[in-house]
Amino acid sequence: MLQSLISLDDSEINLVTDAVQQWCSEKKLDIESTEGRRAITIAVDLVQTNIAPEKLLAELSQQMDRR
């Protein structure tokens, strides 16, 4: 999990962790679960593609629903 965050700066790490924590909370999942780890990977990918911060959670939710 931490390896995927290494390439991000502090503000991007905060965006990823906030979005994933919120998503996990809504789904009643632990961030360390398989789904939580997958959400982190997807969120990192989204941040690296320069998604607007306000769209991160919505796009994360859409992509997690597709998989």
C-alpha atoms as a PDB file:
ATOM      1  CA  MET A   1       0.000   0.000   0.000  1.00  0.00           C
ATOM      2  CA  LEU A   2       2.670   2.515   0.962  1.00  0.00           C
ATOM      3  CA  GLN A   3       4.680   1.875  -2.187  1.00  0.00           C
ATOM      4  CA  SER A   4       1.887   3.279  -4.329  1.00  0.00           C
ATOM      5  CA  LEU A   5       1.935   6.508  -2.308  1.00  0.00           C
ATOM      6  CA  ILE A   6       5.696   7.112  -2.591  1.00  0.00           C
ATOM      7  CA  SER A   7       5.424   8.892  -5.934  1.00  0.00           C
ATOM      8  CA  LEU A   8       2.952  11.458  -4.572  1.00  0.00           C
ATOM      9  CA  ASP A   9       3.620  14.702  -2.742  1.00  0.00           C
ATOM     10  CA  ASP A  10       2.079  15.404   0.676  1.00  0.00           C
ATOM     11  CA  SER A  11      -1.031  17.143  -0.642  1.00  0.00           C
ATOM     12  CA  GLU A  12      -1.700  14.317  -3.102  1.00  0.00           C
ATOM     13  CA  ILE A  13      -1.259  11.718  -0.358  1.00  0.00           C
ATOM     14  CA  ASN A  14      -3.819  13.613   1.723  1.00  0.00           C
ATOM     15  CA  LEU A  15      -6.242  13.651  -1.221  1.00  0.00           C
ATOM     16  CA  VAL A  16      -5.873   9.899  -1.712  1.00  0.00           C
ATOM     17  CA  THR A  17      -6.195   8.978   1.948  1.00  0.00           C
ATOM     18  CA  ASP A  18      -9.162  11.302   2.517  1.00  0.00           C
ATOM     19  CA  ALA A  19     -11.034   9.966  -0.511  1.00  0.00           C
ATOM     20  CA  VAL A  20     -10.309   6.327   0.308  1.00  0.00           C
ATOM     21  CA  GLN A  21     -11.203   6.737   3.978  1.00  0.00           C
ATOM     22  CA  GLN A  22     -14.482   8.367   3.006  1.00  0.00           C
ATOM     23  CA  TRP A  23     -15.237   5.675   0.425  1.00  0.00           C
ATOM     24  CA  CYS A  24     -14.419   2.903   2.899  1.00  0.00           C
ATOM     25  CA  SER A  25     -16.553   4.561   5.565  1.00  0.00           C
ATOM     26  CA  GLU A  26     -19.524   4.788   3.195  1.00  0.00           C
ATOM     27  CA  LYS A  27     -19.107   1.121   2.246  1.00  0.00           C
ATOM     28  CA  LYS A  28     -18.415   0.071   5.856  1.00  0.00           C
ATOM     29  CA  LEU A  29     -15.054  -1.418   4.865  1.00  0.00           C
ATOM     30  CA  ASP A  30     -11.671  -1.295   6.551  1.00  0.00           C
ATOM     31  CA  ILE A  31      -9.025   0.607   4.599  1.00  0.00           C
ATOM     32  CA  GLU A  32      -6.708  -2.397   5.089  1.00  0.00           C
ATOM     33  CA  SER A  33      -9.217  -4.759   3.462  1.00  0.00           C
ATOM     34  CA  THR A  34      -8.726  -6.056  -0.069  1.00  0.00           C
ATOM     35  CA  GLU A  35     -11.256  -3.546  -1.355  1.00  0.00           C
ATOM     36  CA  GLY A  36      -9.652  -0.719   0.623  1.00  0.00           C
ATOM     37  CA  ARG A  37      -6.244  -1.497  -0.838  1.00  0.00           C
ATOM     38  CA  ARG A  38      -7.715  -1.635  -4.323  1.00  0.00           C
ATOM     39  CA  ALA A  39      -9.349   1.742  -3.715  1.00  0.00           C
ATOM     40  CA  ILE A  40      -5.965   3.193  -2.733  1.00  0.00           C
ATOM     41  CA  THR A  41      -4.398   1.941  -5.952  1.00  0.00           C
ATOM     42  CA  ILE A  42      -7.199   3.399  -8.048  1.00  0.00           C
ATOM     43  CA  ALA A  43      -7.130   6.712  -6.172  1.00  0.00           C
ATOM     44  CA  VAL A  44      -3.350   6.991  -6.683  1.00  0.00           C
ATOM     45  CA  ASP A  45      -3.814   6.348 -10.404  1.00  0.00           C
ATOM     46  CA  LEU A  46      -6.517   9.006 -10.563  1.00  0.00           C
ATOM     47  CA  VAL A  47      -4.409  11.584  -8.737  1.00  0.00           C
ATOM     48  CA  GLN A  48      -1.475  10.856 -11.038  1.00  0.00           C
ATOM     49  CA  THR A  49      -3.718  11.625 -14.022  1.00  0.00           C
ATOM     50  CA  ASN A  50      -4.383  15.052 -12.479  1.00  0.00           C
ATOM     51  CA  ILE A  51      -8.070  14.547 -11.730  1.00  0.00           C
ATOM     52  CA  ALA A  52      -9.661  17.556 -10.068  1.00  0.00           C
ATOM     53  CA  PRO A  53      -9.627  17.007  -6.282  1.00  0.00           C
ATOM     54  CA  GLU A  54     -13.365  17.631  -6.001  1.00  0.00           C
ATOM     55  CA  LYS A  55     -14.029  14.827  -8.512  1.00  0.00           C
ATOM     56  CA  LEU A  56     -11.751  12.226  -6.932  1.00  0.00           C
ATOM     57  CA  LEU A  57     -14.272  10.562  -4.627  1.00  0.00           C
ATOM     58  CA  ALA A  58     -16.974  10.362  -7.299  1.00  0.00           C
ATOM     59  CA  GLU A  59     -14.594   8.884  -9.877  1.00  0.00           C
ATOM     60  CA  LEU A  60     -13.160   6.481  -7.290  1.00  0.00           C
ATOM     61  CA  SER A  61     -16.675   5.289  -6.466  1.00  0.00           C
ATOM     62  CA  GLN A  62     -17.517   4.798 -10.135  1.00  0.00           C
ATOM     63  CA  GLN A  63     -14.376   2.822 -10.837  1.00  0.00           C
ATOM     64  CA  MET A  64     -14.780   0.662  -7.721  1.00  0.00           C
ATOM     65  CA  ASP A  65     -18.374  -0.098  -8.734  1.00  0.00           C
ATOM     66  CA  ARG A  66     -17.208  -1.241 -12.185  1.00  0.00           C
ATOM     67  CA  ARG A  67     -14.670  -3.729 -10.829  1.00  0.00           C
END
